[in-house]
N, C-alpha and C. Protein backbone atom coordinates (compact mmCIF):
# COMPACT_ATOMS: atom_id res chain seq x y z
N MET A 1 29.91 26.37 69.30
CA MET A 1 29.63 25.10 69.21
C MET A 1 28.67 24.38 68.39
N PRO A 2 29.07 22.95 68.38
CA PRO A 2 28.50 21.99 67.08
C PRO A 2 27.04 22.07 67.27
N ASN A 3 25.97 21.73 66.80
CA ASN A 3 24.79 21.71 66.73
C ASN A 3 24.22 20.15 65.88
N ASN A 4 24.73 19.17 66.65
CA ASN A 4 24.17 17.79 66.41
C ASN A 4 22.78 17.80 66.27
N THR A 5 22.35 16.66 64.83
CA THR A 5 20.93 16.29 64.83
C THR A 5 21.89 15.46 63.95
N VAL A 6 20.69 14.74 63.44
CA VAL A 6 20.25 12.92 63.62
C VAL A 6 19.72 13.61 61.77
N PHE A 7 20.33 12.31 60.94
CA PHE A 7 20.41 13.06 59.52
C PHE A 7 20.36 12.15 57.96
N ASP A 8 19.76 12.05 57.64
CA ASP A 8 20.03 11.29 56.48
C ASP A 8 21.24 11.55 55.67
N ILE A 9 22.35 11.02 55.72
CA ILE A 9 23.77 11.22 55.09
C ILE A 9 23.99 11.60 53.76
N LYS A 10 22.69 10.44 53.22
CA LYS A 10 22.49 9.53 51.74
C LYS A 10 21.99 10.93 51.15
N THR A 11 21.36 12.13 51.57
CA THR A 11 20.79 13.42 51.36
C THR A 11 21.81 14.29 50.87
N SER A 12 22.29 14.60 52.15
CA SER A 12 23.48 15.47 52.04
C SER A 12 24.98 14.69 50.80
N VAL A 13 24.93 13.72 51.05
CA VAL A 13 26.09 13.14 50.46
C VAL A 13 25.28 13.83 48.57
N ASP A 14 24.06 13.23 47.83
CA ASP A 14 24.08 13.77 46.43
C ASP A 14 23.36 14.75 46.41
N GLU A 15 22.93 15.85 47.58
CA GLU A 15 23.17 17.42 47.82
C GLU A 15 24.91 18.27 46.91
N ILE A 16 25.97 17.62 47.33
CA ILE A 16 26.50 18.06 47.54
C ILE A 16 26.97 17.93 45.67
N LYS A 17 27.18 16.71 45.90
CA LYS A 17 27.83 15.94 44.62
C LYS A 17 26.32 16.39 42.90
N GLY A 18 24.92 17.20 44.10
CA GLY A 18 24.72 17.67 42.81
C GLY A 18 25.06 18.97 42.24
N ILE A 19 25.37 19.54 43.56
CA ILE A 19 25.76 21.35 43.64
C ILE A 19 27.04 20.81 42.29
N LEU A 20 28.05 20.03 42.47
CA LEU A 20 29.26 20.28 41.99
C LEU A 20 29.30 19.45 40.72
N GLU A 21 27.64 18.54 40.31
CA GLU A 21 27.85 18.10 38.58
C GLU A 21 28.47 18.48 37.41
N ASP A 22 27.90 20.28 37.54
CA ASP A 22 28.54 21.05 36.02
C ASP A 22 29.68 21.21 35.99
N LYS A 23 30.95 21.36 37.16
CA LYS A 23 32.00 21.41 37.61
C LYS A 23 32.33 20.34 37.39
N ALA A 24 31.81 18.95 37.08
CA ALA A 24 32.58 17.71 36.60
C ALA A 24 32.37 17.28 35.23
N LYS A 25 31.02 18.01 34.69
CA LYS A 25 30.55 17.29 33.63
C LYS A 25 31.68 18.81 32.21
N MET A 26 32.17 19.47 33.13
CA MET A 26 32.98 20.77 32.53
C MET A 26 34.27 19.35 32.34
N LYS A 27 34.27 19.06 33.27
CA LYS A 27 35.79 18.20 33.42
C LYS A 27 35.50 16.62 32.64
N SER A 28 34.80 16.55 31.96
CA SER A 28 33.91 14.58 31.53
C SER A 28 35.06 13.92 33.34
N VAL A 29 34.24 14.65 34.05
CA VAL A 29 34.31 13.65 35.19
C VAL A 29 33.18 12.88 35.13
N ASN A 30 33.70 11.60 36.21
CA ASN A 30 32.47 10.83 36.65
C ASN A 30 31.84 10.58 37.86
N ILE A 31 31.17 10.47 39.33
CA ILE A 31 31.32 11.09 40.26
C ILE A 31 30.42 9.37 40.13
N ASP A 32 30.80 8.26 41.31
CA ASP A 32 29.99 6.90 41.02
C ASP A 32 29.85 7.41 42.94
N VAL A 33 28.56 6.97 43.08
CA VAL A 33 28.60 6.88 44.80
C VAL A 33 27.40 5.95 45.08
N LYS A 34 28.05 4.68 45.87
CA LYS A 34 27.33 4.03 46.25
C LYS A 34 27.56 3.64 47.86
N PHE A 35 26.09 3.65 48.21
CA PHE A 35 26.13 3.05 49.91
C PHE A 35 25.95 2.04 49.92
N THR A 36 26.55 1.13 51.39
CA THR A 36 26.42 0.60 51.66
C THR A 36 26.04 0.81 53.19
N SER A 37 25.15 0.12 53.76
CA SER A 37 25.08 0.44 55.51
C SER A 37 24.58 -0.92 56.17
N PHE A 38 24.30 -0.81 57.62
CA PHE A 38 23.28 -1.31 58.63
C PHE A 38 22.68 -1.47 58.04
N PHE A 39 21.69 -2.52 57.70
CA PHE A 39 19.88 -2.77 58.47
C PHE A 39 19.85 -1.39 57.81
N ASN A 40 20.14 -1.34 56.35
CA ASN A 40 19.37 -0.10 55.24
C ASN A 40 19.62 0.83 56.03
N LYS A 41 19.71 2.01 56.94
CA LYS A 41 20.07 3.08 58.05
C LYS A 41 21.67 3.76 56.72
N HIS A 42 21.03 4.95 57.39
CA HIS A 42 22.13 5.76 56.46
C HIS A 42 21.95 7.76 57.52
N THR A 43 21.94 7.24 58.80
CA THR A 43 21.51 8.11 59.38
C THR A 43 22.70 8.22 60.26
N VAL A 44 22.83 9.77 60.78
CA VAL A 44 24.00 9.81 61.69
C VAL A 44 23.95 11.40 62.51
N LYS A 45 24.77 10.76 63.76
CA LYS A 45 24.61 12.17 64.25
C LYS A 45 25.34 12.79 64.58
N THR A 46 25.74 14.57 64.05
CA THR A 46 26.50 14.97 63.50
C THR A 46 26.52 16.40 63.46
N ASP A 47 27.25 17.49 63.49
CA ASP A 47 26.75 18.81 62.88
C ASP A 47 26.38 18.76 61.60
N ALA A 48 25.39 18.56 60.75
CA ALA A 48 25.37 18.81 59.35
C ALA A 48 25.91 19.75 57.92
N LYS A 49 25.46 21.09 58.91
CA LYS A 49 26.49 22.09 57.94
C LYS A 49 28.12 22.13 58.11
N ARG A 50 28.11 21.02 59.49
CA ARG A 50 29.76 20.83 59.23
C ARG A 50 30.02 19.66 58.03
N LEU A 51 29.24 18.89 57.96
CA LEU A 51 29.78 17.61 57.28
C LEU A 51 29.50 18.43 56.20
N GLN A 52 28.37 19.15 55.61
CA GLN A 52 28.77 19.56 54.19
C GLN A 52 29.54 20.14 54.00
N GLN A 53 30.17 20.80 54.27
CA GLN A 53 31.61 22.02 54.10
C GLN A 53 32.56 20.30 53.63
N VAL A 54 32.64 19.58 54.70
CA VAL A 54 33.59 18.43 54.25
C VAL A 54 33.96 17.34 53.30
N LEU A 55 32.42 17.43 52.96
CA LEU A 55 31.86 16.46 51.69
C LEU A 55 32.42 17.85 49.71
N LEU A 56 31.82 18.99 50.53
CA LEU A 56 32.18 20.04 49.45
C LEU A 56 33.72 20.01 49.19
N ASN A 57 34.35 19.94 50.06
CA ASN A 57 36.01 20.01 50.06
C ASN A 57 36.34 19.16 49.65
N LEU A 58 35.93 17.61 49.70
CA LEU A 58 36.12 16.08 49.21
C LEU A 58 36.30 16.94 47.97
N TYR A 59 34.39 16.39 47.88
CA TYR A 59 34.18 15.84 46.13
C TYR A 59 35.02 17.68 45.18
N SER A 60 35.24 18.65 45.56
CA SER A 60 35.31 19.42 44.87
C SER A 60 37.48 18.79 44.41
N ASN A 61 37.99 18.64 45.53
CA ASN A 61 39.21 18.08 45.83
C ASN A 61 39.52 16.78 44.30
N ALA A 62 39.01 16.25 44.76
CA ALA A 62 38.66 15.17 43.50
C ALA A 62 38.19 15.22 41.91
N ILE A 63 37.83 16.42 42.38
CA ILE A 63 37.05 16.44 40.73
C ILE A 63 38.63 17.71 40.21
N LYS A 64 39.19 18.73 41.01
CA LYS A 64 40.13 19.45 40.31
C LYS A 64 41.30 18.60 40.11
N PHE A 65 41.92 17.14 40.70
CA PHE A 65 42.85 16.32 40.98
C PHE A 65 42.41 15.27 40.24
N THR A 66 41.48 14.67 38.92
CA THR A 66 41.15 13.83 38.41
C THR A 66 41.44 14.18 37.45
N ASN A 67 41.48 13.23 36.49
CA ASN A 67 41.80 13.53 34.94
C ASN A 67 41.36 13.48 34.28
N ARG A 68 41.31 14.18 33.39
CA ARG A 68 39.54 14.92 32.64
C ARG A 68 39.06 12.81 32.57
N ASN A 69 38.54 13.03 31.85
CA ASN A 69 37.35 11.20 31.88
C ASN A 69 37.48 10.21 32.90
N GLY A 70 37.91 10.66 33.70
CA GLY A 70 38.08 10.36 34.90
C GLY A 70 36.89 9.90 35.68
N ASN A 71 37.84 8.51 36.59
CA ASN A 71 35.80 8.61 37.90
C ASN A 71 36.40 8.79 38.76
N ILE A 72 35.58 8.91 40.07
CA ILE A 72 35.20 9.17 41.35
C ILE A 72 34.58 8.17 41.60
N ASN A 73 35.21 7.32 42.62
CA ASN A 73 34.41 6.42 43.33
C ASN A 73 33.96 7.27 45.32
N VAL A 74 32.84 6.79 45.12
CA VAL A 74 32.88 7.71 47.02
C VAL A 74 31.74 6.26 47.50
């Protein structure tokens, strides 16, 4: 059963980026994150742990399939 809560998605994205920064640096891959939102709000209501797993998978795959010295834009 999902545990839906309201939280700042920017914090989650930054946390996952931080976890995988060393992996990206080893491959000389740059990760650039830009946030755009309505009314400067970055909150969502969802299952935070499940969203973090999705983000972790997306970042990991982006690093894995990006050429050396490449860029990942989120």
